[in-house]
Amino acid sequence: MLGRAGCRLLALREKANRMVCLLDARVRTLTAEPEEGAATAEYAVVLVAATGFAAVLVGIMKSDAIKTMLTNIVKKALNIG
């Protein structure tokens, strides 16, 4: 049978094992989360780039030469059909 010191040692060992498991779970959680932040940052960069590209397209589409060209393309497409 285990004496008092043996029981105490066993209890400490069990407590240490639980703490190691909790620490391992926490480390795994922390190492998994940075990817979510990176995805969010990449999404924000793509949105900013898309907004800038849309602004450039709007500026181009407002020019008279482009309006005339697009109107002619649509007229030709409707006349052929």
C-alpha atoms as a PDB file:
ATOM      1  CA  MET A   1       0.000   0.000   0.000  1.00  0.00           C
ATOM      2  CA  LEU A   2       1.032   3.578  -0.556  1.00  0.00           C
ATOM      3  CA  GLY A   3       1.963   5.704   2.380  1.00  0.00           C
ATOM      4  CA  ARG A   4       0.993   9.298   2.882  1.00  0.00           C
ATOM      5  CA  ALA A   5       3.935  10.552   0.841  1.00  0.00           C
ATOM      6  CA  GLY A   6       3.134   8.145  -1.992  1.00  0.00           C
ATOM      7  CA  CYS A   7      -0.504   9.293  -2.161  1.00  0.00           C
ATOM      8  CA  ARG A   8       0.589  12.895  -2.156  1.00  0.00           C
ATOM      9  CA  LEU A   9       3.098  12.234  -4.906  1.00  0.00           C
ATOM     10  CA  LEU A  10       0.423  10.472  -6.978  1.00  0.00           C
ATOM     11  CA  ALA A  11      -1.976  13.409  -6.527  1.00  0.00           C
ATOM     12  CA  LEU A  12       0.733  15.867  -7.599  1.00  0.00           C
ATOM     13  CA  ARG A  13       1.523  13.766 -10.647  1.00  0.00           C
ATOM     14  CA  GLU A  14      -2.160  13.698 -11.677  1.00  0.00           C
ATOM     15  CA  LYS A  15      -2.452  17.436 -11.181  1.00  0.00           C
ATOM     16  CA  ALA A  16       0.698  17.995 -13.269  1.00  0.00           C
ATOM     17  CA  ASN A  17      -0.696  15.788 -16.052  1.00  0.00           C
ATOM     18  CA  ARG A  18      -3.948  17.789 -16.089  1.00  0.00           C
ATOM     19  CA  MET A  19      -2.031  21.071 -16.247  1.00  0.00           C
ATOM     20  CA  VAL A  20       0.138  19.807 -19.100  1.00  0.00           C
ATOM     21  CA  CYS A  21      -2.985  18.771 -21.025  1.00  0.00           C
ATOM     22  CA  LEU A  22      -4.570  22.191 -20.467  1.00  0.00           C
ATOM     23  CA  LEU A  23      -1.380  23.958 -21.526  1.00  0.00           C
ATOM     24  CA  ASP A  24      -1.139  21.801 -24.644  1.00  0.00           C
ATOM     25  CA  ALA A  25      -4.742  22.597 -25.557  1.00  0.00           C
ATOM     26  CA  ARG A  26      -4.138  26.324 -25.048  1.00  0.00           C
ATOM     27  CA  VAL A  27      -0.985  26.326 -27.190  1.00  0.00           C
ATOM     28  CA  ARG A  28      -2.793  24.473 -29.975  1.00  0.00           C
ATOM     29  CA  THR A  29      -5.638  27.019 -29.826  1.00  0.00           C
ATOM     30  CA  LEU A  30      -3.255  29.975 -29.960  1.00  0.00           C
ATOM     31  CA  THR A  31      -1.322  28.578 -32.903  1.00  0.00           C
ATOM     32  CA  ALA A  32      -4.536  27.949 -34.863  1.00  0.00           C
ATOM     33  CA  GLU A  33      -6.012  31.457 -34.470  1.00  0.00           C
ATOM     34  CA  PRO A  34      -3.466  33.622 -36.363  1.00  0.00           C
ATOM     35  CA  GLU A  35      -4.652  32.174 -39.684  1.00  0.00           C
ATOM     36  CA  GLU A  36      -8.090  33.656 -39.092  1.00  0.00           C
ATOM     37  CA  GLY A  37      -6.589  37.103 -38.631  1.00  0.00           C
ATOM     38  CA  ALA A  38      -4.485  36.700 -41.757  1.00  0.00           C
ATOM     39  CA  ALA A  39      -7.543  35.759 -43.776  1.00  0.00           C
ATOM     40  CA  THR A  40      -9.366  38.823 -42.503  1.00  0.00           C
ATOM     41  CA  ALA A  41      -6.439  41.088 -43.398  1.00  0.00           C
ATOM     42  CA  GLU A  42      -6.178  39.561 -46.872  1.00  0.00           C
ATOM     43  CA  TYR A  43      -9.919  40.055 -47.347  1.00  0.00           C
ATOM     44  CA  ALA A  44      -9.588  43.725 -46.398  1.00  0.00           C
ATOM     45  CA  VAL A  45      -6.715  44.239 -48.861  1.00  0.00           C
ATOM     46  CA  VAL A  46      -8.731  42.614 -51.646  1.00  0.00           C
ATOM     47  CA  LEU A  47     -11.712  44.846 -50.866  1.00  0.00           C
ATOM     48  CA  VAL A  48      -9.581  47.987 -50.987  1.00  0.00           C
ATOM     49  CA  ALA A  49      -8.015  46.902 -54.284  1.00  0.00           C
ATOM     50  CA  ALA A  50     -11.401  46.048 -55.781  1.00  0.00           C
ATOM     51  CA  THR A  51     -12.813  49.406 -54.700  1.00  0.00           C
ATOM     52  CA  GLY A  52      -9.884  51.230 -56.302  1.00  0.00           C
ATOM     53  CA  PHE A  53     -10.279  49.228 -59.505  1.00  0.00           C
ATOM     54  CA  ALA A  54     -14.020  49.998 -59.557  1.00  0.00           C
ATOM     55  CA  ALA A  55     -13.270  53.708 -59.156  1.00  0.00           C
ATOM     56  CA  VAL A  56     -10.889  53.604 -62.118  1.00  0.00           C
ATOM     57  CA  LEU A  57     -13.493  51.784 -64.227  1.00  0.00           C
ATOM     58  CA  VAL A  58     -16.165  54.327 -63.336  1.00  0.00           C
ATOM     59  CA  GLY A  59     -13.815  57.124 -64.367  1.00  0.00           C
ATOM     60  CA  ILE A  60     -13.106  55.415 -67.689  1.00  0.00           C
ATOM     61  CA  MET A  61     -16.762  54.635 -68.354  1.00  0.00           C
ATOM     62  CA  LYS A  62     -17.742  58.288 -67.890  1.00  0.00           C
ATOM     63  CA  SER A  63     -15.526  59.436 -70.770  1.00  0.00           C
ATOM     64  CA  ASP A  64     -17.312  60.335 -74.014  1.00  0.00           C
ATOM     65  CA  ALA A  65     -15.110  58.147 -76.208  1.00  0.00           C
ATOM     66  CA  ILE A  66     -15.911  55.024 -74.186  1.00  0.00           C
ATOM     67  CA  LYS A  67     -19.640  55.834 -74.095  1.00  0.00           C
ATOM     68  CA  THR A  68     -19.669  56.207 -77.882  1.00  0.00           C
ATOM     69  CA  MET A  69     -17.710  52.983 -78.394  1.00  0.00           C
ATOM     70  CA  LEU A  70     -20.003  50.981 -76.085  1.00  0.00           C
ATOM     71  CA  THR A  71     -23.117  52.444 -77.703  1.00  0.00           C
ATOM     72  CA  ASN A  72     -21.828  51.435 -81.148  1.00  0.00           C
ATOM     73  CA  ILE A  73     -21.068  47.899 -79.922  1.00  0.00           C
ATOM     74  CA  VAL A  74     -24.573  47.511 -78.517  1.00  0.00           C
ATOM     75  CA  LYS A  75     -26.158  48.913 -81.703  1.00  0.00           C
ATOM     76  CA  LYS A  76     -24.154  46.497 -83.891  1.00  0.00           C
ATOM     77  CA  ALA A  77     -25.082  43.569 -81.664  1.00  0.00           C
ATOM     78  CA  LEU A  78     -28.772  44.431 -81.851  1.00  0.00           C
ATOM     79  CA  ASN A  79     -28.689  44.934 -85.648  1.00  0.00           C
ATOM     80  CA  ILE A  80     -26.970  41.600 -86.332  1.00  0.00           C
ATOM     81  CA  GLY A  81     -29.468  39.546 -84.302  1.00  0.00           C
END
